[in-house]
């Protein structure tokens, strides 16, 4: 008898309001990031969601490089 296999956990998705709270932005600012292509999102039914991987990508791309002349 075979044991049931565990379903692979997929990517985690966040609501716009959750992303806004994490980034200390307004939901409208997050919507603008999505609209201008800075932040990729998916639409599932009528719900817009941002993957955790995409949030991490945005944060990595937005890092400020420490410049001694700054």
N, C-alpha and C. Protein backbone atom coordinates (compact mmCIF):
# COMPACT_ATOMS: atom_id res chain seq x y z
N UNK A 1 0.84 -1.18 0.00
CA UNK A 1 0.00 0.00 0.00
C UNK A 1 0.89 1.24 0.00
N UNK A 2 0.61 2.16 -0.90
CA UNK A 2 1.46 3.35 -0.98
C UNK A 2 0.93 4.45 -0.07
N UNK A 3 1.87 5.21 0.42
CA UNK A 3 1.53 6.33 1.29
C UNK A 3 1.10 7.52 0.44
N UNK A 4 0.13 8.30 0.90
CA UNK A 4 -0.24 9.50 0.14
C UNK A 4 0.93 10.47 0.09
N UNK A 5 1.09 11.11 -1.04
CA UNK A 5 2.19 12.07 -1.17
C UNK A 5 1.70 13.45 -0.76
N UNK A 6 2.62 14.20 -0.23
CA UNK A 6 2.31 15.58 0.14
C UNK A 6 2.27 16.43 -1.11
N UNK A 7 1.29 17.28 -1.20
CA UNK A 7 1.23 18.21 -2.33
C UNK A 7 2.35 19.23 -2.18
N UNK A 8 3.01 19.50 -3.28
CA UNK A 8 4.07 20.51 -3.25
C UNK A 8 3.45 21.88 -2.97
N UNK A 9 4.06 22.59 -2.07
CA UNK A 9 3.52 23.92 -1.78
C UNK A 9 3.95 24.87 -2.89
N UNK A 10 3.00 25.59 -3.39
CA UNK A 10 3.26 26.53 -4.47
C UNK A 10 3.67 27.88 -3.93
N UNK A 11 3.79 28.83 -4.83
CA UNK A 11 4.18 30.18 -4.40
C UNK A 11 3.09 30.81 -3.54
N UNK A 12 3.51 31.66 -2.63
CA UNK A 12 2.57 32.37 -1.78
C UNK A 12 2.21 33.69 -2.46
N UNK A 13 0.94 34.03 -2.42
CA UNK A 13 0.46 35.27 -3.05
C UNK A 13 -0.11 36.20 -1.99
N UNK A 14 0.05 37.50 -2.23
CA UNK A 14 -0.39 38.52 -1.28
C UNK A 14 -1.37 39.48 -1.94
N UNK A 15 -2.29 39.99 -1.14
CA UNK A 15 -3.22 41.02 -1.59
C UNK A 15 -2.47 42.35 -1.68
N UNK A 16 -3.02 43.26 -2.47
CA UNK A 16 -2.41 44.59 -2.62
C UNK A 16 -2.29 45.28 -1.26
N UNK A 17 -3.30 45.16 -0.42
CA UNK A 17 -3.28 45.80 0.90
C UNK A 17 -2.15 45.24 1.76
N UNK A 18 -1.88 43.96 1.63
CA UNK A 18 -0.80 43.33 2.40
C UNK A 18 0.56 43.84 1.93
N UNK A 19 0.73 43.92 0.61
CA UNK A 19 1.98 44.44 0.05
C UNK A 19 2.17 45.89 0.49
N UNK A 20 1.09 46.67 0.44
CA UNK A 20 1.16 48.08 0.85
C UNK A 20 1.62 48.20 2.31
N UNK A 21 1.06 47.38 3.18
CA UNK A 21 1.43 47.42 4.59
C UNK A 21 2.89 47.02 4.79
N UNK A 22 3.34 45.99 4.08
CA UNK A 22 4.73 45.53 4.20
C UNK A 22 5.72 46.61 3.74
N UNK A 23 5.34 47.37 2.71
CA UNK A 23 6.23 48.38 2.15
C UNK A 23 5.98 49.78 2.72
N UNK A 24 5.01 49.91 3.62
CA UNK A 24 4.62 51.20 4.18
C UNK A 24 4.23 52.18 3.07
N UNK A 25 3.42 51.67 2.13
CA UNK A 25 2.90 52.46 1.02
C UNK A 25 1.38 52.41 1.06
N UNK A 26 0.75 53.28 0.31
CA UNK A 26 -0.70 53.21 0.17
C UNK A 26 -1.03 52.12 -0.85
N UNK A 27 -2.22 51.53 -0.75
CA UNK A 27 -2.63 50.55 -1.77
C UNK A 27 -2.59 51.16 -3.18
N UNK A 28 -2.92 52.43 -3.31
CA UNK A 28 -2.88 53.09 -4.62
C UNK A 28 -1.45 53.13 -5.17
N UNK A 29 -0.47 53.36 -4.31
CA UNK A 29 0.92 53.36 -4.76
C UNK A 29 1.33 51.98 -5.27
N UNK A 30 0.88 50.93 -4.60
CA UNK A 30 1.17 49.57 -5.06
C UNK A 30 0.48 49.33 -6.41
N UNK A 31 -0.75 49.80 -6.56
CA UNK A 31 -1.45 49.67 -7.84
C UNK A 31 -0.68 50.38 -8.95
N UNK A 32 -0.10 51.53 -8.65
CA UNK A 32 0.70 52.25 -9.65
C UNK A 32 1.95 51.45 -10.02
N UNK A 33 2.60 50.83 -9.05
CA UNK A 33 3.77 50.00 -9.34
C UNK A 33 3.39 48.85 -10.27
N UNK A 34 2.20 48.30 -10.07
CA UNK A 34 1.72 47.22 -10.94
C UNK A 34 1.40 47.78 -12.32
N UNK A 35 0.71 48.91 -12.36
CA UNK A 35 0.30 49.51 -13.65
C UNK A 35 1.49 49.89 -14.52
N UNK A 36 2.57 50.40 -13.90
CA UNK A 36 3.72 50.81 -14.71
C UNK A 36 4.72 49.69 -14.95
N UNK A 37 4.41 48.48 -14.47
CA UNK A 37 5.25 47.32 -14.75
C UNK A 37 6.40 47.10 -13.79
N UNK A 38 6.52 47.94 -12.77
CA UNK A 38 7.59 47.79 -11.79
C UNK A 38 7.38 46.55 -10.93
N UNK A 39 6.12 46.24 -10.67
CA UNK A 39 5.75 45.09 -9.85
C UNK A 39 4.79 44.22 -10.66
N UNK A 40 5.14 42.96 -10.84
CA UNK A 40 4.29 42.04 -11.60
C UNK A 40 3.21 41.46 -10.69
N UNK A 41 2.02 41.32 -11.22
CA UNK A 41 0.90 40.77 -10.46
C UNK A 41 0.12 39.81 -11.35
N UNK A 42 -0.71 39.00 -10.71
CA UNK A 42 -1.60 38.11 -11.45
C UNK A 42 -3.03 38.44 -11.02
N UNK A 43 -3.95 38.17 -11.92
CA UNK A 43 -5.36 38.38 -11.61
C UNK A 43 -6.02 37.01 -11.62
N UNK A 44 -6.57 36.62 -10.50
CA UNK A 44 -7.24 35.34 -10.36
C UNK A 44 -8.70 35.66 -10.07
N UNK A 45 -9.55 35.38 -11.06
CA UNK A 45 -10.93 35.84 -10.95
C UNK A 45 -10.89 37.36 -10.98
N UNK A 46 -11.43 37.99 -9.98
CA UNK A 46 -11.37 39.45 -9.91
C UNK A 46 -10.32 39.95 -8.94
N UNK A 47 -9.55 39.02 -8.37
CA UNK A 47 -8.59 39.38 -7.33
C UNK A 47 -7.18 39.54 -7.89
N UNK A 48 -6.55 40.66 -7.57
CA UNK A 48 -5.16 40.91 -7.99
C UNK A 48 -4.25 40.46 -6.85
N UNK A 49 -3.25 39.66 -7.21
CA UNK A 49 -2.32 39.14 -6.22
C UNK A 49 -0.88 39.29 -6.70
N UNK A 50 0.04 39.44 -5.75
CA UNK A 50 1.47 39.55 -6.04
C UNK A 50 2.16 38.39 -5.32
N UNK A 51 3.01 37.67 -6.06
CA UNK A 51 3.71 36.54 -5.45
C UNK A 51 4.79 37.03 -4.50
N UNK A 52 5.10 36.18 -3.54
CA UNK A 52 6.16 36.49 -2.59
C UNK A 52 7.50 36.63 -3.32
N UNK A 53 7.73 35.79 -4.33
CA UNK A 53 8.97 35.89 -5.13
C UNK A 53 9.07 37.25 -5.81
N UNK A 54 7.94 37.75 -6.32
CA UNK A 54 7.94 39.05 -7.01
C UNK A 54 8.21 40.18 -6.02
N UNK A 55 7.65 40.08 -4.83
CA UNK A 55 7.92 41.08 -3.80
C UNK A 55 9.41 41.10 -3.46
N UNK A 56 10.00 39.92 -3.29
CA UNK A 56 11.43 39.84 -2.98
C UNK A 56 12.27 40.39 -4.12
N UNK A 57 11.86 40.15 -5.37
CA UNK A 57 12.57 40.67 -6.53
C UNK A 57 12.56 42.20 -6.52
N UNK A 58 11.38 42.78 -6.23
CA UNK A 58 11.26 44.23 -6.17
C UNK A 58 12.17 44.81 -5.10
N UNK A 59 12.18 44.19 -3.93
CA UNK A 59 13.01 44.68 -2.84
C UNK A 59 14.50 44.58 -3.19
N UNK A 60 14.90 43.49 -3.81
CA UNK A 60 16.30 43.32 -4.20
C UNK A 60 16.70 44.35 -5.25
N UNK A 61 15.81 44.63 -6.19
CA UNK A 61 16.11 45.59 -7.25
C UNK A 61 16.11 47.03 -6.72
N UNK A 62 15.48 47.24 -5.58
CA UNK A 62 15.35 48.60 -5.03
C UNK A 62 16.40 48.92 -3.99
N UNK A 63 17.29 47.97 -3.72
CA UNK A 63 18.31 48.21 -2.69
C UNK A 63 19.21 49.36 -3.09
N UNK A 64 19.54 50.17 -2.11
CA UNK A 64 20.45 51.29 -2.33
C UNK A 64 21.87 50.79 -2.07
N UNK A 65 22.72 50.98 -3.05
CA UNK A 65 24.12 50.61 -2.89
C UNK A 65 24.79 51.71 -2.08
N UNK A 66 25.49 51.31 -1.09
CA UNK A 66 26.15 52.30 -0.23
C UNK A 66 27.28 52.96 -1.00
N UNK A 67 27.17 54.25 -1.15
CA UNK A 67 28.16 55.04 -1.88
C UNK A 67 28.82 56.00 -0.90
N UNK A 68 30.14 55.96 -0.76
CA UNK A 68 30.80 56.86 0.19
C UNK A 68 30.57 58.34 -0.11
N UNK A 69 30.26 58.66 -1.35
CA UNK A 69 30.01 60.06 -1.72
C UNK A 69 28.57 60.48 -1.50
N UNK A 70 27.72 59.55 -1.04
CA UNK A 70 26.29 59.82 -0.91
C UNK A 70 26.04 60.66 0.29
